Each structure stands twice: as C-alpha cells, then as structure tokens.
PDB file of N, CA and C in Angstrom:
ATOM      1  N   UNK A   1      96.019  92.153  85.311  1.00  0.00           N
ATOM      2  CA  UNK A   1      97.068  92.956  85.235  1.00  0.00           C
ATOM      3  C   UNK A   1      96.749  93.939  83.945  1.00  0.00           C
ATOM      4  N   UNK A   2      97.013  95.228  84.192  1.00  0.00           N
ATOM      5  CA  UNK A   2      96.906  96.074  83.348  1.00  0.00           C
ATOM      6  C   UNK A   2      98.051  97.065  83.460  1.00  0.00           C
ATOM      7  N   UNK A   3      99.071  96.926  82.274  1.00  0.00           N
ATOM      8  CA  UNK A   3     100.208  97.844  82.295  1.00  0.00           C
ATOM      9  C   UNK A   3     100.058  99.184  81.549  1.00  0.00           C
ATOM     10  N   UNK A   4     100.595 100.236  82.103  1.00  0.00           N
ATOM     11  CA  UNK A   4     100.260 101.531  81.483  1.00  0.00           C
ATOM     12  C   UNK A   4     101.611 101.995  81.156  1.00  0.00           C
ATOM     13  N   UNK A   5     101.703 102.002  79.733  1.00  0.00           N
ATOM     14  CA  UNK A   5     103.040 102.394  79.190  1.00  0.00           C
ATOM     15  C   UNK A   5     103.166 103.803  79.495  1.00  0.00           C
ATOM     16  N   UNK A   6     104.388 104.084  79.604  1.00  0.00           N
ATOM     17  CA  UNK A   6     105.077 105.311  79.924  1.00  0.00           C
ATOM     18  C   UNK A   6     106.097 105.694  79.315  1.00  0.00           C
ATOM     19  N   UNK A   7     107.173 105.193  78.492  1.00  0.00           N
ATOM     20  CA  UNK A   7     107.944 105.750  77.782  1.00  0.00           C
ATOM     21  C   UNK A   7     108.906 104.674  77.081  1.00  0.00           C
ATOM     22  N   UNK A   8     109.273 104.762  75.732  1.00  0.00           N
ATOM     23  CA  UNK A   8     110.422 103.957  75.299  1.00  0.00           C
ATOM     24  C   UNK A   8     111.609 104.820  75.087  1.00  0.00           C
ATOM     25  N   UNK A   9     112.711 104.156  75.142  1.00  0.00           N
ATOM     26  CA  UNK A   9     114.090 104.849  74.793  1.00  0.00           C
ATOM     27  C   UNK A   9     113.941 105.707  73.674  1.00  0.00           C
ATOM     28  N   UNK A  10     114.031 107.041  73.699  1.00  0.00           N
ATOM     29  CA  UNK A  10     114.129 107.625  72.456  1.00  0.00           C
ATOM     30  C   UNK A  10     115.069 107.777  71.420  1.00  0.00           C
ATOM     31  N   UNK A  11     116.312 106.895  71.989  1.00  0.00           N
ATOM     32  CA  UNK A  11     117.301 106.681  70.950  1.00  0.00           C
ATOM     33  C   UNK A  11     117.467 105.393  70.300  1.00  0.00           C
ATOM     34  N   UNK A  12     116.488 104.615  70.903  1.00  0.00           N
ATOM     35  CA  UNK A  12     116.260 103.233  70.084  1.00  0.00           C
ATOM     36  C   UNK A  12     116.105 103.286  68.585  1.00  0.00           C
ATOM     37  N   UNK A  13     116.955 102.792  67.945  1.00  0.00           N
ATOM     38  CA  UNK A  13     116.790 102.740  66.531  1.00  0.00           C
ATOM     39  C   UNK A  13     115.610 101.947  65.977  1.00  0.00           C
ATOM     40  N   UNK A  14     115.313 101.174  66.679  1.00  0.00           N
ATOM     41  CA  UNK A  14     114.149 100.022  66.271  1.00  0.00           C
ATOM     42  C   UNK A  14     113.094 100.211  66.954  1.00  0.00           C
ATOM     43  N   UNK A  15     112.861 101.156  67.734  1.00  0.00           N
ATOM     44  CA  UNK A  15     111.719 101.444  68.968  1.00  0.00           C
ATOM     45  C   UNK A  15     111.413 100.091  69.709  1.00  0.00           C
ATOM     46  N   UNK A  16     112.493  99.446  70.120  1.00  0.00           N
ATOM     47  CA  UNK A  16     112.366  98.059  70.832  1.00  0.00           C
ATOM     48  C   UNK A  16     112.488  98.363  72.484  1.00  0.00           C
ATOM     49  N   UNK A  17     113.440  98.876  72.614  1.00  0.00           N
ATOM     50  CA  UNK A  17     113.755  98.996  74.004  1.00  0.00           C
ATOM     51  C   UNK A  17     114.897  99.993  74.282  1.00  0.00           C
ATOM     52  N   UNK A  18     114.843 100.329  75.643  1.00  0.00           N
ATOM     53  CA  UNK A  18     114.500 100.058  76.841  1.00  0.00           C
ATOM     54  C   UNK A  18     112.990 100.545  76.905  1.00  0.00           C
ATOM     55  N   UNK A  19     112.187 100.004  77.853  1.00  0.00           N
ATOM     56  CA  UNK A  19     110.773 100.448  77.955  1.00  0.00           C
ATOM     57  C   UNK A  19     110.347 100.591  79.486  1.00  0.00           C
ATOM     58  N   UNK A  20     109.570 101.384  79.760  1.00  0.00           N
ATOM     59  CA  UNK A  20     109.067 101.505  81.028  1.00  0.00           C
ATOM     60  C   UNK A  20     107.558 101.480  81.112  1.00  0.00           C
ATOM     61  N   UNK A  21     106.731 100.943  81.944  1.00  0.00           N
ATOM     62  CA  UNK A  21     105.514 100.638  82.348  1.00  0.00           C
ATOM     63  C   UNK A  21     105.323 100.811  83.750  1.00  0.00           C
ATOM     64  N   UNK A  22     104.225 101.007  84.185  1.00  0.00           N
ATOM     65  CA  UNK A  22     103.574 100.807  85.549  1.00  0.00           C
ATOM     66  C   UNK A  22     102.205 100.169  85.379  1.00  0.00           C
ATOM     67  N   UNK A  23     102.336  99.097  86.693  1.00  0.00           N
ATOM     68  CA  UNK A  23     101.334  98.085  86.795  1.00  0.00           C
ATOM     69  C   UNK A  23      99.975  98.715  87.363  1.00  0.00           C
ATOM     70  N   UNK A  24      98.969  98.998  86.661  1.00  0.00           N
ATOM     71  CA  UNK A  24      97.777  99.632  87.275  1.00  0.00           C
ATOM     72  C   UNK A  24      97.297  98.925  88.737  1.00  0.00           C
ATOM     73  N   UNK A  25      97.552  97.733  88.713  1.00  0.00           N
ATOM     74  CA  UNK A  25      96.892  97.054  89.846  1.00  0.00           C
ATOM     75  C   UNK A  25      97.638  97.153  91.224  1.00  0.00           C
ATOM     76  N   UNK A  26      99.003  97.041  91.306  1.00  0.00           N
ATOM     77  CA  UNK A  26      99.977  97.261  92.355  1.00  0.00           C
ATOM     78  C   UNK A  26     100.739  98.169  92.253  1.00  0.00           C
ATOM     79  N   UNK A  27     100.989  99.112  91.373  1.00  0.00           N
ATOM     80  CA  UNK A  27     101.682 100.369  90.843  1.00  0.00           C
ATOM     81  C   UNK A  27     103.209  99.900  90.814  1.00  0.00           C
ATOM     82  N   UNK A  28     103.565  98.553  90.860  1.00  0.00           N
ATOM     83  CA  UNK A  28     104.946  98.196  90.478  1.00  0.00           C
ATOM     84  C   UNK A  28     105.432  98.816  88.987  1.00  0.00           C
ATOM     85  N   UNK A  29     106.895  99.214  89.142  1.00  0.00           N
ATOM     86  CA  UNK A  29     107.361  99.386  87.678  1.00  0.00           C
ATOM     87  C   UNK A  29     107.777  98.314  87.086  1.00  0.00           C
ATOM     88  N   UNK A  30     107.494  98.241  85.809  1.00  0.00           N
ATOM     89  CA  UNK A  30     108.025  96.885  84.970  1.00  0.00           C
ATOM     90  C   UNK A  30     108.892  97.558  83.804  1.00  0.00           C
ATOM     91  N   UNK A  31     109.965  96.994  83.743  1.00  0.00           N
ATOM     92  CA  UNK A  31     111.266  97.697  82.931  1.00  0.00           C
ATOM     93  C   UNK A  31     111.698  96.555  81.945  1.00  0.00           C
ATOM     94  N   UNK A  32     111.991  96.985  80.882  1.00  0.00           N
ATOM     95  CA  UNK A  32     112.619  96.324  79.904  1.00  0.00           C
ATOM     96  C   UNK A  32     113.962  96.886  79.565  1.00  0.00           C
ATOM     97  N   UNK A  33     115.035  96.465  79.743  1.00  0.00           N
ATOM     98  CA  UNK A  33     116.420  96.857  79.529  1.00  0.00           C
ATOM     99  C   UNK A  33     117.234  96.132  79.077  1.00  0.00           C
ATOM    100  N   UNK A  34     118.776  96.709  78.721  1.00  0.00           N
ATOM    101  CA  UNK A  34     119.675  95.787  78.263  1.00  0.00           C
ATOM    102  C   UNK A  34     120.212  94.614  79.130  1.00  0.00           C
ATOM    103  N   UNK A  35     120.325  93.594  78.704  1.00  0.00           N
ATOM    104  CA  UNK A  35     121.114  92.755  79.635  1.00  0.00           C
ATOM    105  C   UNK A  35     122.562  93.488  79.954  1.00  0.00           C
ATOM    106  N   UNK A  36     122.982  92.983  81.421  1.00  0.00           N
ATOM    107  CA  UNK A  36     124.313  93.437  81.688  1.00  0.00           C
ATOM    108  C   UNK A  36     125.211  92.324  81.163  1.00  0.00           C
ATOM    109  N   UNK A  37     126.588  92.923  81.389  1.00  0.00           N
ATOM    110  CA  UNK A  37     127.546  92.043  81.126  1.00  0.00           C
ATOM    111  C   UNK A  37     128.102  91.411  82.292  1.00  0.00           C
ATOM    112  N   UNK A  38     129.100  90.392  82.069  1.00  0.00           N
ATOM    113  CA  UNK A  38     129.508  89.463  83.134  1.00  0.00           C
ATOM    114  C   UNK A  38     130.311  90.448  84.237  1.00  0.00           C
ATOM    115  N   UNK A  39     130.785  91.614  83.975  1.00  0.00           N
ATOM    116  CA  UNK A  39     131.743  92.419  84.783  1.00  0.00           C
ATOM    117  C   UNK A  39     130.608  93.011  85.502  1.00  0.00           C
ATOM    118  N   UNK A  40     129.502  93.569  84.975  1.00  0.00           N
ATOM    119  CA  UNK A  40     128.482  94.157  85.890  1.00  0.00           C
ATOM    120  C   UNK A  40     127.803  93.246  86.764  1.00  0.00           C
ATOM    121  N   UNK A  41     127.506  92.137  86.392  1.00  0.00           N
ATOM    122  CA  UNK A  41     126.935  91.155  87.073  1.00  0.00           C
ATOM    123  C   UNK A  41     127.779  90.628  88.246  1.00  0.00           C
ATOM    124  N   UNK A  42     129.135  90.520  88.090  1.00  0.00           N
ATOM    125  CA  UNK A  42     130.056  90.343  89.064  1.00  0.00           C
ATOM    126  C   UNK A  42     130.152  91.346  90.270  1.00  0.00           C
ATOM    127  N   UNK A  43     130.173  92.560  89.557  1.00  0.00           N
ATOM    128  CA  UNK A  43     129.844  93.826  90.726  1.00  0.00           C
ATOM    129  C   UNK A  43     128.706  93.957  91.450  1.00  0.00           C
ATOM    130  N   UNK A  44     127.790  93.626  90.709  1.00  0.00           N
ATOM    131  CA  UNK A  44     126.298  93.484  91.601  1.00  0.00           C
ATOM    132  C   UNK A  44     126.202  92.149  92.790  1.00  0.00           C
ATOM    133  N   UNK A  45     127.120  91.317  92.352  1.00  0.00           N
ATOM    134  CA  UNK A  45     126.867  90.060  93.157  1.00  0.00           C
ATOM    135  C   UNK A  45     127.840  90.456  94.595  1.00  0.00           C
ATOM    136  N   UNK A  46     128.700  91.551  94.496  1.00  0.00           N
ATOM    137  CA  UNK A  46     129.425  91.873  95.572  1.00  0.00           C
ATOM    138  C   UNK A  46     128.502  92.230  96.896  1.00  0.00           C
ATOM    139  N   UNK A  47     127.508  92.812  96.461  1.00  0.00           N
ATOM    140  CA  UNK A  47     126.252  93.121  97.529  1.00  0.00           C
ATOM    141  C   UNK A  47     125.371  92.045  97.843  1.00  0.00           C
ATOM    142  N   UNK A  48     125.401  90.940  97.075  1.00  0.00           N
ATOM    143  CA  UNK A  48     124.454  89.721  97.446  1.00  0.00           C
ATOM    144  C   UNK A  48     124.291  89.325  96.410  1.00  0.00           C
ATOM    145  N   UNK A  49     123.461  88.061  96.717  1.00  0.00           N
ATOM    146  CA  UNK A  49     123.135  87.123  95.495  1.00  0.00           C
ATOM    147  C   UNK A  49     121.984  87.734  94.460  1.00  0.00           C
ATOM    148  N   UNK A  50     121.926  87.091  93.383  1.00  0.00           N
ATOM    149  CA  UNK A  50     120.975  87.528  92.559  1.00  0.00           C
ATOM    150  C   UNK A  50     120.069  86.243  92.223  1.00  0.00           C
ATOM    151  N   UNK A  51     118.977  86.260  93.071  1.00  0.00           N
ATOM    152  CA  UNK A  51     118.268  85.060  92.932  1.00  0.00           C
ATOM    153  C   UNK A  51     117.756  84.542  91.377  1.00  0.00           C
ATOM    154  N   UNK A  52     117.709  83.316  91.123  1.00  0.00           N
ATOM    155  CA  UNK A  52     117.341  82.746  89.784  1.00  0.00           C
ATOM    156  C   UNK A  52     116.110  83.366  89.216  1.00  0.00           C
ATOM    157  N   UNK A  53     115.307  83.711  89.976  1.00  0.00           N
ATOM    158  CA  UNK A  53     113.898  84.521  89.422  1.00  0.00           C
ATOM    159  C   UNK A  53     114.088  85.957  88.991  1.00  0.00           C
ATOM    160  N   UNK A  54     115.120  86.514  89.350  1.00  0.00           N
ATOM    161  CA  UNK A  54     115.410  88.012  88.939  1.00  0.00           C
ATOM    162  C   UNK A  54     116.526  88.221  88.078  1.00  0.00           C
ATOM    163  N   UNK A  55     116.522  89.523  87.731  1.00  0.00           N
ATOM    164  CA  UNK A  55     117.484  89.686  86.617  1.00  0.00           C
ATOM    165  C   UNK A  55     118.113  91.408  86.826  1.00  0.00           C
ATOM    166  N   UNK A  56     119.511  91.378  86.640  1.00  0.00           N
ATOM    167  CA  UNK A  56     119.888  92.574  86.656  1.00  0.00           C
ATOM    168  C   UNK A  56     119.974  93.300  85.022  1.00  0.00           C
ATOM    169  N   UNK A  57     119.139  94.487  85.060  1.00  0.00           N
ATOM    170  CA  UNK A  57     119.182  95.180  83.711  1.00  0.00           C
ATOM    171  C   UNK A  57     119.779  96.568  83.730  1.00  0.00           C
ATOM    172  N   UNK A  58     120.022  96.997  82.504  1.00  0.00           N
ATOM    173  CA  UNK A  58     120.581  98.266  82.647  1.00  0.00           C
ATOM    174  C   UNK A  58     119.541  99.325  81.946  1.00  0.00           C
ATOM    175  N   UNK A  59     119.362 100.488  82.379  1.00  0.00           N
ATOM    176  CA  UNK A  59     118.504 101.416  81.789  1.00  0.00           C
ATOM    177  C   UNK A  59     119.282 102.491  81.660  1.00  0.00           C
ATOM    178  N   UNK A  60     119.308 103.266  80.402  1.00  0.00           N
ATOM    179  CA  UNK A  60     120.149 104.446  79.941  1.00  0.00           C
ATOM    180  C   UNK A  60     119.757 105.642  80.966  1.00  0.00           C
ATOM    181  N   UNK A  61     120.831 106.170  81.284  1.00  0.00           N
ATOM    182  CA  UNK A  61     120.576 107.736  81.995  1.00  0.00           C
ATOM    183  C   UNK A  61     119.671 108.486  81.207  1.00  0.00           C
ATOM    184  N   UNK A  62     119.436 108.295  79.652  1.00  0.00           N
ATOM    185  CA  UNK A  62     118.551 109.152  79.176  1.00  0.00           C
ATOM    186  C   UNK A  62     117.052 109.004  79.434  1.00  0.00           C
ATOM    187  N   UNK A  63     116.857 107.697  80.089  1.00  0.00           N
ATOM    188  CA  UNK A  63     115.495 107.452  80.361  1.00  0.00           C
ATOM    189  C   UNK A  63     115.035 107.674  81.947  1.00  0.00           C
ATOM    190  N   UNK A  64     116.053 108.381  82.618  1.00  0.00           N
ATOM    191  CA  UNK A  64     115.613 109.095  83.934  1.00  0.00           C
ATOM    192  C   UNK A  64     114.149 109.882  83.976  1.00  0.00           C
ATOM    193  N   UNK A  65     114.190 110.523  83.119  1.00  0.00           N
ATOM    194  CA  UNK A  65     112.819 111.367  83.147  1.00  0.00           C
ATOM    195  C   UNK A  65     111.522 110.092  83.149  1.00  0.00           C
ATOM    196  N   UNK A  66     111.780 109.322  82.316  1.00  0.00           N
ATOM    197  CA  UNK A  66     110.588 108.231  81.864  1.00  0.00           C
ATOM    198  C   UNK A  66     110.368 107.710  83.420  1.00  0.00           C
ATOM    199  N   UNK A  67     111.724 107.342  84.108  1.00  0.00           N
ATOM    200  CA  UNK A  67     111.630 106.577  85.368  1.00  0.00           C
ATOM    201  C   UNK A  67     110.870 107.726  86.373  1.00  0.00           C
ATOM    202  N   UNK A  68     111.151 108.841  86.276  1.00  0.00           N
ATOM    203  CA  UNK A  68     110.441 109.714  87.365  1.00  0.00           C
ATOM    204  C   UNK A  68     109.095 109.783  86.928  1.00  0.00           C
ATOM    205  N   UNK A  69     108.689 109.771  85.779  1.00  0.00           N
ATOM    206  CA  UNK A  69     107.256 110.069  85.502  1.00  0.00           C
ATOM    207  C   UNK A  69     106.539 108.414  85.983  1.00  0.00           C
ATOM    208  N   UNK A  70     107.315 107.349  85.543  1.00  0.00           N
ATOM    209  CA  UNK A  70     106.557 106.254  85.992  1.00  0.00           C
ATOM    210  C   UNK A  70     106.449 106.266  87.604  1.00  0.00           C
ATOM    211  N   UNK A  71     107.580 106.786  88.543  1.00  0.00           N
ATOM    212  CA  UNK A  71     107.229 106.704  89.993  1.00  0.00           C
ATOM    213  C   UNK A  71     105.998 107.770  90.335  1.00  0.00           C
ATOM    214  N   UNK A  72     105.915 108.851  89.697  1.00  0.00           N
ATOM    215  CA  UNK A  72     104.910 109.526  89.993  1.00  0.00           C
ATOM    216  C   UNK A  72     103.569 109.068  89.626  1.00  0.00           C
ATOM    217  N   UNK A  73     103.404 108.356  88.543  1.00  0.00           N
ATOM    218  CA  UNK A  73     102.439 107.526  88.135  1.00  0.00           C
ATOM    219  C   UNK A  73     101.900 106.491  89.317  1.00  0.00           C
ATOM    220  N   UNK A  74     102.875 105.576  89.653  1.00  0.00           N
ATOM    221  CA  UNK A  74     102.819 104.593  90.488  1.00  0.00           C
ATOM    222  C   UNK A  74     102.415 105.212  91.899  1.00  0.00           C
ATOM    223  N   UNK A  75     102.903 106.414  92.468  1.00  0.00           N
ATOM    224  CA  UNK A  75     102.570 107.150  93.492  1.00  0.00           C
ATOM    225  C   UNK A  75     101.392 107.851  93.626  1.00  0.00           C
ATOM    226  N   UNK A  76     100.723 107.824  92.250  1.00  0.00           N
ATOM    227  CA  UNK A  76      99.228 108.576  92.228  1.00  0.00           C
ATOM    228  C   UNK A  76      99.331 109.959  92.227  1.00  0.00           C
ATOM    229  N   UNK A  77     100.510 110.471  91.750  1.00  0.00           N
ATOM    230  CA  UNK A  77     100.737 111.996  91.878  1.00  0.00           C
ATOM    231  C   UNK A  77     100.667 112.556  90.388  1.00  0.00           C
ATOM    232  N   UNK A  78     100.618 111.523  89.396  1.00  0.00           N
ATOM    233  CA  UNK A  78     100.424 111.920  88.119  1.00  0.00           C
ATOM    234  C   UNK A  78      99.155 111.113  87.357  1.00  0.00           C
ATOM    235  N   UNK A  79      98.261 111.797  86.752  1.00  0.00           N
ATOM    236  CA  UNK A  79      97.304 110.977  86.024  1.00  0.00           C
ATOM    237  C   UNK A  79      97.658 111.181  84.652  1.00  0.00           C
ATOM    238  N   UNK A  80      97.672 109.989  84.060  1.00  0.00           N
ATOM    239  CA  UNK A  80      97.975 109.890  82.784  1.00  0.00           C
ATOM    240  C   UNK A  80      96.904 109.406  81.809  1.00  0.00           C
TER     241      UNK A  80
END
C-alpha cells in the first residue's frame, strides 16, 4: 500500500489532523478526523449499526476542497 498525501486541515494548530490520503493501489480514500461525540453516534445509529471494525469521524467543512481533490485523484482525473 502506498498512500498519496492530499492535505491536512489548514486550521489545525499543531498540523496533526484532520488529514486526507488516497491509496494508490485501490483508490480508497483514507481519512483521519475527529472522534465524534455520543450524540452524533446515536444519530448515526438511527440509520443502522456501526460495525466494531468501523468508526464514524468528523471532517470539517473547510476540508471539502481536499476531499474533492482526493476524489479526483482516486478517479484518475487529477495527476499529482
């Protein structure tokens, strides 16, 4: 697996997260984000279970451009 770095949250004070990567082998998006609170988890559970091997994370709206770029890279429409 080779992850292609796309972007970090520009507003993170310590440059630690959230972060977006694309897996070069299968074009999956790999996301690092904030853990969600119990209220958010409860709301997510209204549409179905969250399997033990999965997590719900939050990515700030200011990262939308980075997610768009990651999608373009994953679809092969952007060469980086």
